[in-house]
């Protein structure tokens, strides 16, 4: 009876060790994948793309206003801090 109890105890310890190792690997993988996201070239405040054109449509979704703008090369959607912009107004930025 003692050897049966010892075998089960060893089996439980082994299972706990495997579970702990699995959690450790999962935590390490999660931490490694949570690095700072990189920005695509030409995006973000430092390298924001410049768009010039006439406003066709405005959608407000605080804290941003999304503008559909007719440019020389076609239409583009632009996100700006919340603003009120009249349709057909020429915008640049």
Protein backbone atom coordinates (compact mmCIF):
# COMPACT_ATOMS: atom_id res chain seq x y z
CA UNK A 1 0.00 0.00 0.00
CA UNK A 2 2.86 2.37 0.72
CA UNK A 3 4.43 1.86 -2.72
CA UNK A 4 1.07 2.60 -4.40
CA UNK A 5 0.73 5.82 -2.38
CA UNK A 6 4.32 6.81 -3.24
CA UNK A 7 3.73 6.13 -6.94
CA UNK A 8 0.62 8.34 -6.96
CA UNK A 9 2.44 11.04 -5.02
CA UNK A 10 5.32 10.98 -7.52
CA UNK A 11 2.85 11.07 -10.42
CA UNK A 12 1.07 14.11 -8.94
CA UNK A 13 4.38 15.88 -8.36
CA UNK A 14 5.41 15.16 -11.94
CA UNK A 15 2.09 16.52 -13.23
CA UNK A 16 2.47 19.68 -11.12
CA UNK A 17 6.00 20.18 -12.41
CA UNK A 18 4.86 19.79 -16.03
CA UNK A 19 1.98 22.21 -15.46
CA UNK A 20 4.31 24.74 -13.82
CA UNK A 21 6.79 24.39 -16.68
CA UNK A 22 3.97 24.88 -19.21
CA UNK A 23 2.78 28.03 -17.44
CA UNK A 24 6.35 29.33 -17.29
CA UNK A 25 6.82 28.79 -21.03
CA UNK A 26 3.45 30.44 -21.75
CA UNK A 27 4.31 33.45 -19.57
CA UNK A 28 7.71 33.83 -21.24
CA UNK A 29 6.17 33.64 -24.71
CA UNK A 30 3.54 36.22 -23.76
CA UNK A 31 6.14 38.60 -22.35
CA UNK A 32 8.32 38.29 -25.45
CA UNK A 33 5.39 38.95 -27.78
CA UNK A 34 4.33 42.08 -25.86
CA UNK A 35 7.19 44.23 -27.08
CA UNK A 36 6.62 47.77 -28.30
CA UNK A 37 4.68 47.62 -31.59
CA UNK A 38 6.52 49.10 -34.51
CA UNK A 39 4.92 51.80 -36.61
CA UNK A 40 4.71 51.55 -40.36
CA UNK A 41 6.89 54.02 -42.24
CA UNK A 42 5.18 57.36 -42.80
CA UNK A 43 2.75 56.97 -39.92
CA UNK A 44 2.58 58.44 -36.46
CA UNK A 45 3.29 61.97 -35.38
CA UNK A 46 6.95 62.07 -36.43
CA UNK A 47 6.39 60.79 -39.96
CA UNK A 48 2.71 61.49 -40.61
CA UNK A 49 1.67 61.38 -44.24
CA UNK A 50 0.66 64.71 -45.72
CA UNK A 51 -2.76 64.91 -47.38
CA UNK A 52 -4.30 67.84 -49.24
CA UNK A 53 -7.81 67.84 -50.68
CA UNK A 54 -11.48 68.71 -50.33
CA UNK A 55 -13.57 67.18 -47.56
CA UNK A 56 -16.28 64.87 -48.90
CA UNK A 57 -17.51 63.34 -45.65
CA UNK A 58 -16.97 63.65 -41.90
CA UNK A 59 -17.47 60.97 -39.23
CA UNK A 60 -16.98 61.85 -35.56
CA UNK A 61 -15.75 59.15 -33.22
CA UNK A 62 -14.20 60.90 -30.22
CA UNK A 63 -11.38 61.49 -29.69
CA UNK A 64 -11.03 61.56 -33.51
CA UNK A 65 -12.80 62.95 -36.54
CA UNK A 66 -12.45 60.89 -39.70
CA UNK A 67 -12.49 62.84 -42.96
CA UNK A 68 -12.97 61.37 -46.42
CA UNK A 69 -10.90 63.68 -48.60
CA UNK A 70 -10.73 63.96 -52.41
CA UNK A 71 -7.04 64.34 -53.28
CA UNK A 72 -5.24 64.71 -56.61
CA UNK A 73 -4.61 60.97 -56.60
CA UNK A 74 -8.07 59.82 -55.43
CA UNK A 75 -9.96 59.55 -52.16
CA UNK A 76 -8.35 59.05 -48.75
CA UNK A 77 -9.59 58.72 -45.19
CA UNK A 78 -7.78 60.90 -42.67
CA UNK A 79 -8.01 60.81 -38.86
CA UNK A 80 -7.53 64.07 -36.98
CA UNK A 81 -8.21 65.14 -33.40
CA UNK A 82 -11.93 65.89 -32.98
CA UNK A 83 -12.86 68.83 -35.21
CA UNK A 84 -15.76 70.37 -37.08
CA UNK A 85 -14.99 70.65 -40.78
CA UNK A 86 -17.39 71.89 -43.45
CA UNK A 87 -17.94 69.73 -46.52
CA UNK A 88 -15.96 70.84 -49.59
CA UNK A 89 -13.48 72.72 -47.41
CA UNK A 90 -9.89 72.46 -48.61
CA UNK A 91 -7.75 70.79 -45.94
CA UNK A 92 -4.02 70.26 -45.76
CA UNK A 93 -1.99 68.44 -43.23
